[in-house]
Amino acid sequence: MTGLVDFDAWAELAGDSPTSRTEWAAVVAAWSEPHRRYHDLAHLAAVLGLIGELAGAADDPAAVRLAAWYHDIAYEPERTDNEQVSAARARVGLRGLVPDGRVDEVERLVLLTAGHDPAPDDANGAVLCDADLAVLAGPPDAYATYASAVREEYGHLSDEEFTAGRIAVLEHLLALPALYRTPEAARQWADRAAANMTAELALLRRRAASGPATPPPAAG
């Protein structure tokens, strides 16, 4: 297991106590569920690593890191309220481990990942969302691997349903005022992400069929 998701990394944020150890084990177990193909411990570690790179842009880097630990702790592709469930899980799990104000901020940040559209003055939200969406700016082969893994997670949907839902997600992301909100992420990733998403969207539109997709496939 990468050091980014081991107990020492967690303890820097939530302390070392029996309660903290129990919560860390439960969080890791959730991220290790067998139905996860992309939204797994590797994704969590990647997001935490990127938050480390972007932390200088955050107002409360510890809150952003804790939000990363919880942002996909509830991940059931059949549901439409995973972010709400994850945020509630964060509030319960962190109670007594970190100050109440930080728990509030973690909950807010987890909810923000439903749309990845932080306000212009939301420094913490910008860092979390940028780290979560960094996968969109990968090399074409890495992007294809990511997209394939997301499709596996939505195996309960027909190709027609998945295509319609994925189109909706990509259109939402491409219509955001800016995909990446921190200057460093925007400089490094914006063009590559736009190219990847535009190419995928063109492919999906060519094979799109009628019929809604509920829920839409996750972005990051």
C-alpha atoms as a PDB file:
ATOM      1  CA  MET A   1       0.000   0.000   0.000  1.00  0.00           C
ATOM      2  CA  THR A   2       1.357   3.379  -0.960  1.00  0.00           C
ATOM      3  CA  GLY A   3       2.482   5.596   1.892  1.00  0.00           C
ATOM      4  CA  LEU A   4      -0.041   8.227   0.842  1.00  0.00           C
ATOM      5  CA  VAL A   5      -2.891   6.105   2.192  1.00  0.00           C
ATOM      6  CA  ASP A   6      -1.190   4.356   5.104  1.00  0.00           C
ATOM      7  CA  PHE A   7      -2.012   5.064   8.729  1.00  0.00           C
ATOM      8  CA  ASP A   8       0.893   7.447   9.277  1.00  0.00           C
ATOM      9  CA  ALA A   9      -0.448   9.744   6.550  1.00  0.00           C
ATOM     10  CA  TRP A  10      -3.926   9.556   8.062  1.00  0.00           C
ATOM     11  CA  ALA A  11      -2.629  10.160  11.596  1.00  0.00           C
ATOM     12  CA  GLU A  12      -1.029  13.436  10.514  1.00  0.00           C
ATOM     13  CA  LEU A  13      -4.581  14.658   9.942  1.00  0.00           C
ATOM     14  CA  ALA A  14      -6.701  12.764  12.470  1.00  0.00           C
ATOM     15  CA  GLY A  15      -4.267  11.795  15.221  1.00  0.00           C
ATOM     16  CA  ASP A  16      -3.211   8.416  16.567  1.00  0.00           C
ATOM     17  CA  SER A  17      -5.859   6.940  18.828  1.00  0.00           C
ATOM     18  CA  PRO A  18      -7.882   3.720  18.881  1.00  0.00           C
ATOM     19  CA  THR A  19     -10.817   5.599  17.356  1.00  0.00           C
ATOM     20  CA  SER A  20      -8.618   7.061  14.642  1.00  0.00           C
ATOM     21  CA  ARG A  21      -7.124   3.671  13.802  1.00  0.00           C
ATOM     22  CA  THR A  22     -10.578   2.129  13.560  1.00  0.00           C
ATOM     23  CA  GLU A  23     -11.812   4.902  11.291  1.00  0.00           C
ATOM     24  CA  TRP A  24      -8.758   4.706   9.027  1.00  0.00           C
ATOM     25  CA  ALA A  25      -9.260   0.953   8.620  1.00  0.00           C
ATOM     26  CA  ALA A  26     -12.924   1.486   7.754  1.00  0.00           C
ATOM     27  CA  VAL A  27     -12.082   4.184   5.212  1.00  0.00           C
ATOM     28  CA  VAL A  28      -9.460   2.004   3.520  1.00  0.00           C
ATOM     29  CA  ALA A  29     -11.886  -0.924   3.459  1.00  0.00           C
ATOM     30  CA  ALA A  30     -14.506   1.204   1.723  1.00  0.00           C
ATOM     31  CA  TRP A  31     -12.046   2.318  -0.956  1.00  0.00           C
ATOM     32  CA  SER A  32     -11.050  -1.344  -1.447  1.00  0.00           C
ATOM     33  CA  GLU A  33     -14.523  -2.636  -2.341  1.00  0.00           C
ATOM     34  CA  PRO A  34     -14.340  -5.157  -5.195  1.00  0.00           C
ATOM     35  CA  HIS A  35     -16.747  -3.367  -7.541  1.00  0.00           C
ATOM     36  CA  ARG A  36     -14.415  -0.365  -7.845  1.00  0.00           C
ATOM     37  CA  ARG A  37     -12.346  -0.216 -11.015  1.00  0.00           C
ATOM     38  CA  TYR A  38     -11.292   3.433 -11.084  1.00  0.00           C
ATOM     39  CA  HIS A  39     -12.595   4.941  -7.831  1.00  0.00           C
ATOM     40  CA  ASP A  40     -10.292   2.820  -5.688  1.00  0.00           C
ATOM     41  CA  LEU A  41      -7.265   3.210  -3.417  1.00  0.00           C
ATOM     42  CA  ALA A  42      -5.054   4.051  -6.385  1.00  0.00           C
ATOM     43  CA  HIS A  43      -7.339   6.973  -7.229  1.00  0.00           C
ATOM     44  CA  LEU A  44      -7.335   8.111  -3.599  1.00  0.00           C
ATOM     45  CA  ALA A  45      -3.532   7.982  -3.495  1.00  0.00           C
ATOM     46  CA  ALA A  46      -3.287   9.899  -6.765  1.00  0.00           C
ATOM     47  CA  VAL A  47      -5.612  12.634  -5.511  1.00  0.00           C
ATOM     48  CA  LEU A  48      -3.721  12.923  -2.220  1.00  0.00           C
ATOM     49  CA  GLY A  49      -0.422  13.175  -4.061  1.00  0.00           C
ATOM     50  CA  LEU A  50      -1.725  15.920  -6.321  1.00  0.00           C
ATOM     51  CA  ILE A  51      -3.155  17.818  -3.361  1.00  0.00           C
ATOM     52  CA  GLY A  52       0.347  17.745  -1.944  1.00  0.00           C
ATOM     53  CA  GLU A  53       1.604  19.423  -5.113  1.00  0.00           C
ATOM     54  CA  LEU A  54      -1.168  22.037  -5.102  1.00  0.00           C
ATOM     55  CA  ALA A  55      -1.400  22.541  -1.326  1.00  0.00           C
ATOM     56  CA  GLY A  56       0.181  25.980  -1.439  1.00  0.00           C
ATOM     57  CA  ALA A  57      -2.966  27.287  -3.133  1.00  0.00           C
ATOM     58  CA  ALA A  58      -5.292  26.051  -0.347  1.00  0.00           C
ATOM     59  CA  ASP A  59      -6.412  27.969   2.727  1.00  0.00           C
ATOM     60  CA  ASP A  60      -6.655  24.782   4.815  1.00  0.00           C
ATOM     61  CA  PRO A  61      -4.611  21.984   3.223  1.00  0.00           C
ATOM     62  CA  ALA A  62      -5.460  19.571   6.047  1.00  0.00           C
ATOM     63  CA  ALA A  63      -9.182  19.960   5.378  1.00  0.00           C
ATOM     64  CA  VAL A  64      -8.594  19.379   1.671  1.00  0.00           C
ATOM     65  CA  ARG A  65      -6.616  16.207   2.377  1.00  0.00           C
ATOM     66  CA  LEU A  66      -9.307  14.908   4.716  1.00  0.00           C
ATOM     67  CA  ALA A  67     -11.947  15.671   2.100  1.00  0.00           C
ATOM     68  CA  ALA A  68      -9.964  13.597  -0.382  1.00  0.00           C
ATOM     69  CA  TRP A  69     -10.041  10.629   1.993  1.00  0.00           C
ATOM     70  CA  TYR A  70     -13.830  10.809   2.036  1.00  0.00           C
ATOM     71  CA  HIS A  71     -14.809  12.205  -1.358  1.00  0.00           C
ATOM     72  CA  ASP A  72     -15.677   8.814  -2.878  1.00  0.00           C
ATOM     73  CA  ILE A  73     -15.900   6.719   0.280  1.00  0.00           C
ATOM     74  CA  ALA A  74     -19.475   5.914  -0.744  1.00  0.00           C
ATOM     75  CA  TYR A  75     -19.396   4.782  -4.350  1.00  0.00           C
ATOM     76  CA  GLU A  76     -22.308   2.772  -5.667  1.00  0.00           C
ATOM     77  CA  PRO A  77     -22.791   3.450  -9.394  1.00  0.00           C
ATOM     78  CA  GLU A  78     -26.490   2.597  -9.146  1.00  0.00           C
ATOM     79  CA  ARG A  79     -27.051   5.538  -6.767  1.00  0.00           C
ATOM     80  CA  THR A  80     -27.332   9.245  -7.524  1.00  0.00           C
ATOM     81  CA  ASP A  81     -26.462  10.519  -4.032  1.00  0.00           C
ATOM     82  CA  ASN A  82     -22.940   9.195  -3.488  1.00  0.00           C
ATOM     83  CA  GLU A  83     -21.508  12.619  -2.656  1.00  0.00           C
ATOM     84  CA  GLN A  84     -24.220  13.272  -0.087  1.00  0.00           C
ATOM     85  CA  VAL A  85     -23.676   9.872   1.508  1.00  0.00           C
ATOM     86  CA  SER A  86     -19.901  10.401   1.480  1.00  0.00           C
ATOM     87  CA  ALA A  87     -20.237  13.821   3.119  1.00  0.00           C
ATOM     88  CA  ALA A  88     -22.462  12.420   5.846  1.00  0.00           C
ATOM     89  CA  ARG A  89     -19.998   9.575   6.369  1.00  0.00           C
ATOM     90  CA  ALA A  90     -17.188  12.113   6.783  1.00  0.00           C
ATOM     91  CA  ARG A  91     -19.127  13.999   9.441  1.00  0.00           C
ATOM     92  CA  VAL A  92     -19.760  10.843  11.439  1.00  0.00           C
ATOM     93  CA  GLY A  93     -16.272   9.431  11.005  1.00  0.00           C
ATOM     94  CA  LEU A  94     -14.351  12.582  11.892  1.00  0.00           C
ATOM     95  CA  ARG A  95     -16.434  13.582  14.892  1.00  0.00           C
ATOM     96  CA  GLY A  96     -14.099  13.898  17.861  1.00  0.00           C
ATOM     97  CA  LEU A  97     -10.973  13.401  15.745  1.00  0.00           C
ATOM     98  CA  VAL A  98     -10.627  16.916  14.309  1.00  0.00           C
ATOM     99  CA  PRO A  99     -12.113  20.304  15.278  1.00  0.00           C
ATOM    100  CA  ASP A 100     -15.778  20.837  14.455  1.00  0.00           C
ATOM    101  CA  GLY A 101     -15.004  23.675  12.059  1.00  0.00           C
ATOM    102  CA  ARG A 102     -12.749  21.436  10.017  1.00  0.00           C
ATOM    103  CA  VAL A 103     -15.408  18.718   9.946  1.00  0.00           C
ATOM    104  CA  ASP A 104     -17.818  21.291   8.504  1.00  0.00           C
ATOM    105  CA  GLU A 105     -15.297  22.236   5.837  1.00  0.00           C
ATOM    106  CA  VAL A 106     -14.600  18.612   4.926  1.00  0.00           C
ATOM    107  CA  GLU A 107     -18.313  17.967   4.534  1.00  0.00           C
ATOM    108  CA  ARG A 108     -18.693  21.038   2.311  1.00  0.00           C
ATOM    109  CA  LEU A 109     -15.753  20.036   0.143  1.00  0.00           C
ATOM    110  CA  VAL A 110     -16.990  16.479  -0.361  1.00  0.00           C
ATOM    111  CA  LEU A 111     -20.362  17.810  -1.508  1.00  0.00           C
ATOM    112  CA  LEU A 112     -18.557  20.111  -3.942  1.00  0.00           C
ATOM    113  CA  THR A 113     -17.204  17.140  -5.890  1.00  0.00           C
ATOM    114  CA  ALA A 114     -20.699  16.431  -7.205  1.00  0.00           C
ATOM    115  CA  GLY A 115     -20.314  19.241  -9.742  1.00  0.00           C
ATOM    116  CA  HIS A 116     -16.631  20.243  -9.559  1.00  0.00           C
ATOM    117  CA  ASP A 117     -17.549  23.924  -9.812  1.00  0.00           C
ATOM    118  CA  PRO A 118     -16.028  25.814  -6.860  1.00  0.00           C
ATOM    119  CA  ALA A 119     -16.671  29.518  -6.425  1.00  0.00           C
ATOM    120  CA  PRO A 120     -13.916  31.890  -7.607  1.00  0.00           C
ATOM    121  CA  ASP A 121     -12.817  32.577  -4.014  1.00  0.00           C
ATOM    122  CA  ASP A 122     -12.960  28.933  -2.874  1.00  0.00           C
ATOM    123  CA  ALA A 123      -9.274  28.075  -2.589  1.00  0.00           C
ATOM    124  CA  ASN A 124      -9.836  24.761  -0.813  1.00  0.00           C
ATOM    125  CA  GLY A 125     -12.468  23.697  -3.305  1.00  0.00           C
ATOM    126  CA  ALA A 126     -10.220  24.595  -6.219  1.00  0.00           C
ATOM    127  CA  VAL A 127      -7.409  22.383  -4.957  1.00  0.00           C
ATOM    128  CA  LEU A 128      -9.660  19.397  -4.260  1.00  0.00           C
ATOM    129  CA  CYS A 129     -11.521  19.597  -7.559  1.00  0.00           C
ATOM    130  CA  ASP A 130      -8.349  20.126  -9.580  1.00  0.00           C
ATOM    131  CA  ALA A 131      -6.716  17.095  -7.985  1.00  0.00           C
ATOM    132  CA  ASP A 132      -9.822  14.976  -8.527  1.00  0.00           C
ATOM    133  CA  LEU A 133     -10.064  15.928 -12.211  1.00  0.00           C
ATOM    134  CA  ALA A 134      -6.359  15.689 -13.018  1.00  0.00           C
ATOM    135  CA  VAL A 135      -6.937  12.281 -14.622  1.00  0.00           C
ATOM    136  CA  LEU A 136      -8.672  14.054 -17.493  1.00  0.00           C
ATOM    137  CA  ALA A 137      -5.333  15.552 -18.528  1.00  0.00           C
ATOM    138  CA  GLY A 138      -3.420  12.296 -18.793  1.00  0.00           C
ATOM    139  CA  PRO A 139      -1.723  10.986 -21.938  1.00  0.00           C
ATOM    140  CA  PRO A 140      -4.219   9.497 -24.412  1.00  0.00           C
ATOM    141  CA  ASP A 141      -3.508   5.897 -23.390  1.00  0.00           C
ATOM    142  CA  ALA A 142      -3.891   6.687 -19.686  1.00  0.00           C
ATOM    143  CA  TYR A 143      -7.104   8.583 -20.403  1.00  0.00           C
ATOM    144  CA  ALA A 144      -8.438   5.601 -22.354  1.00  0.00           C
ATOM    145  CA  THR A 145      -7.620   3.304 -19.426  1.00  0.00           C
ATOM    146  CA  TYR A 146      -9.476   5.636 -17.058  1.00  0.00           C
ATOM    147  CA  ALA A 147     -12.527   5.825 -19.333  1.00  0.00           C
ATOM    148  CA  SER A 148     -12.577   2.044 -19.713  1.00  0.00           C
ATOM    149  CA  ALA A 149     -12.419   1.556 -15.938  1.00  0.00           C
ATOM    150  CA  VAL A 150     -15.352   3.924 -15.420  1.00  0.00           C
ATOM    151  CA  ARG A 151     -17.322   1.964 -18.022  1.00  0.00           C
ATOM    152  CA  GLU A 152     -16.655  -1.229 -16.062  1.00  0.00           C
ATOM    153  CA  GLU A 153     -18.011   0.393 -12.908  1.00  0.00           C
ATOM    154  CA  TYR A 154     -21.222   1.173 -14.777  1.00  0.00           C
ATOM    155  CA  GLY A 155     -21.636  -2.344 -16.104  1.00  0.00           C
ATOM    156  CA  HIS A 156     -25.276  -2.352 -15.007  1.00  0.00           C
ATOM    157  CA  LEU A 157     -26.059   0.202 -17.740  1.00  0.00           C
ATOM    158  CA  SER A 158     -26.593  -0.670 -21.370  1.00  0.00           C
ATOM    159  CA  ASP A 159     -24.196   0.826 -23.903  1.00  0.00           C
ATOM    160  CA  GLU A 160     -26.913   3.264 -24.952  1.00  0.00           C
ATOM    161  CA  GLU A 161     -27.569   4.384 -21.373  1.00  0.00           C
ATOM    162  CA  PHE A 162     -23.898   4.722 -20.527  1.00  0.00           C
ATOM    163  CA  THR A 163     -23.144   6.676 -23.696  1.00  0.00           C
ATOM    164  CA  ALA A 164     -25.930   9.171 -23.023  1.00  0.00           C
ATOM    165  CA  GLY A 165     -24.842   9.623 -19.408  1.00  0.00           C
ATOM    166  CA  ARG A 166     -21.178   9.988 -20.250  1.00  0.00           C
ATOM    167  CA  ILE A 167     -21.979  12.576 -22.913  1.00  0.00           C
ATOM    168  CA  ALA A 168     -23.867  14.587 -20.291  1.00  0.00           C
ATOM    169  CA  VAL A 169     -20.894  14.476 -17.913  1.00  0.00           C
ATOM    170  CA  LEU A 170     -18.406  15.563 -20.568  1.00  0.00           C
ATOM    171  CA  GLU A 171     -20.666  18.359 -21.779  1.00  0.00           C
ATOM    172  CA  HIS A 172     -21.018  19.614 -18.199  1.00  0.00           C
ATOM    173  CA  LEU A 173     -17.268  19.632 -17.636  1.00  0.00           C
ATOM    174  CA  LEU A 174     -16.500  21.310 -20.950  1.00  0.00           C
ATOM    175  CA  ALA A 175     -19.107  23.998 -20.204  1.00  0.00           C
ATOM    176  CA  LEU A 176     -17.602  24.973 -16.836  1.00  0.00           C
ATOM    177  CA  PRO A 177     -16.140  28.499 -16.659  1.00  0.00           C
ATOM    178  CA  ALA A 178     -12.776  26.764 -16.219  1.00  0.00           C
ATOM    179  CA  LEU A 179     -12.055  23.089 -15.674  1.00  0.00           C
ATOM    180  CA  TYR A 180      -9.059  23.768 -13.418  1.00  0.00           C
ATOM    181  CA  ARG A 181      -9.113  26.663 -10.972  1.00  0.00           C
ATOM    182  CA  THR A 182      -5.601  26.773  -9.510  1.00  0.00           C
ATOM    183  CA  PRO A 183      -3.094  28.572 -11.762  1.00  0.00           C
ATOM    184  CA  GLU A 184      -0.625  25.690 -11.786  1.00  0.00           C
ATOM    185  CA  ALA A 185      -3.216  23.076 -12.710  1.00  0.00           C
ATOM    186  CA  ALA A 186      -4.728  25.306 -15.381  1.00  0.00           C
ATOM    187  CA  ARG A 187      -1.318  25.924 -16.906  1.00  0.00           C
ATOM    188  CA  GLN A 188      -0.289  22.263 -16.916  1.00  0.00           C
ATOM    189  CA  TRP A 189      -3.505  20.394 -17.588  1.00  0.00           C
ATOM    190  CA  ALA A 190      -6.265  22.474 -19.181  1.00  0.00           C
ATOM    191  CA  ASP A 191      -5.329  22.029 -22.839  1.00  0.00           C
ATOM    192  CA  ARG A 192      -4.659  18.295 -22.579  1.00  0.00           C
ATOM    193  CA  ALA A 193      -7.880  17.681 -20.662  1.00  0.00           C
ATOM    194  CA  ALA A 194      -9.929  19.625 -23.189  1.00  0.00           C
ATOM    195  CA  ALA A 195      -8.382  17.640 -26.038  1.00  0.00           C
ATOM    196  CA  ASN A 196      -9.056  14.307 -24.318  1.00  0.00           C
ATOM    197  CA  MET A 197     -12.650  15.129 -23.452  1.00  0.00           C
ATOM    198  CA  THR A 198     -13.405  16.611 -26.857  1.00  0.00           C
ATOM    199  CA  ALA A 199     -12.081  13.488 -28.574  1.00  0.00           C
ATOM    200  CA  GLU A 200     -14.094  11.181 -26.317  1.00  0.00           C
ATOM    201  CA  LEU A 201     -17.206  13.293 -26.763  1.00  0.00           C
ATOM    202  CA  ALA A 202     -16.918  13.157 -30.540  1.00  0.00           C
ATOM    203  CA  LEU A 203     -16.567   9.370 -30.401  1.00  0.00           C
ATOM    204  CA  LEU A 204     -19.547   8.971 -28.093  1.00  0.00           C
ATOM    205  CA  ARG A 205     -21.754  11.262 -30.149  1.00  0.00           C
ATOM    206  CA  ARG A 206     -21.064   9.182 -33.240  1.00  0.00           C
ATOM    207  CA  ARG A 207     -22.437   6.097 -31.560  1.00  0.00           C
ATOM    208  CA  ALA A 208     -25.017   7.734 -29.345  1.00  0.00           C
ATOM    209  CA  ALA A 209     -28.468   6.225 -29.254  1.00  0.00           C
ATOM    210  CA  SER A 210     -31.679   7.489 -27.754  1.00  0.00           C
ATOM    211  CA  GLY A 211     -32.511   6.866 -24.105  1.00  0.00           C
ATOM    212  CA  PRO A 212     -31.576   8.526 -20.818  1.00  0.00           C
ATOM    213  CA  ALA A 213     -28.823   7.327 -18.528  1.00  0.00           C
ATOM    214  CA  THR A 214     -29.500   7.404 -14.821  1.00  0.00           C
ATOM    215  CA  PRO A 215     -27.247   7.997 -12.997  1.00  0.00           C
ATOM    216  CA  PRO A 216     -24.635   9.711 -15.203  1.00  0.00           C
ATOM    217  CA  PRO A 217     -21.134   8.212 -15.024  1.00  0.00           C
ATOM    218  CA  ALA A 218     -18.760   9.865 -12.588  1.00  0.00           C
ATOM    219  CA  ALA A 219     -16.225  12.407 -13.774  1.00  0.00           C
ATOM    220  CA  GLY A 220     -13.336  11.988 -11.396  1.00  0.00           C
END
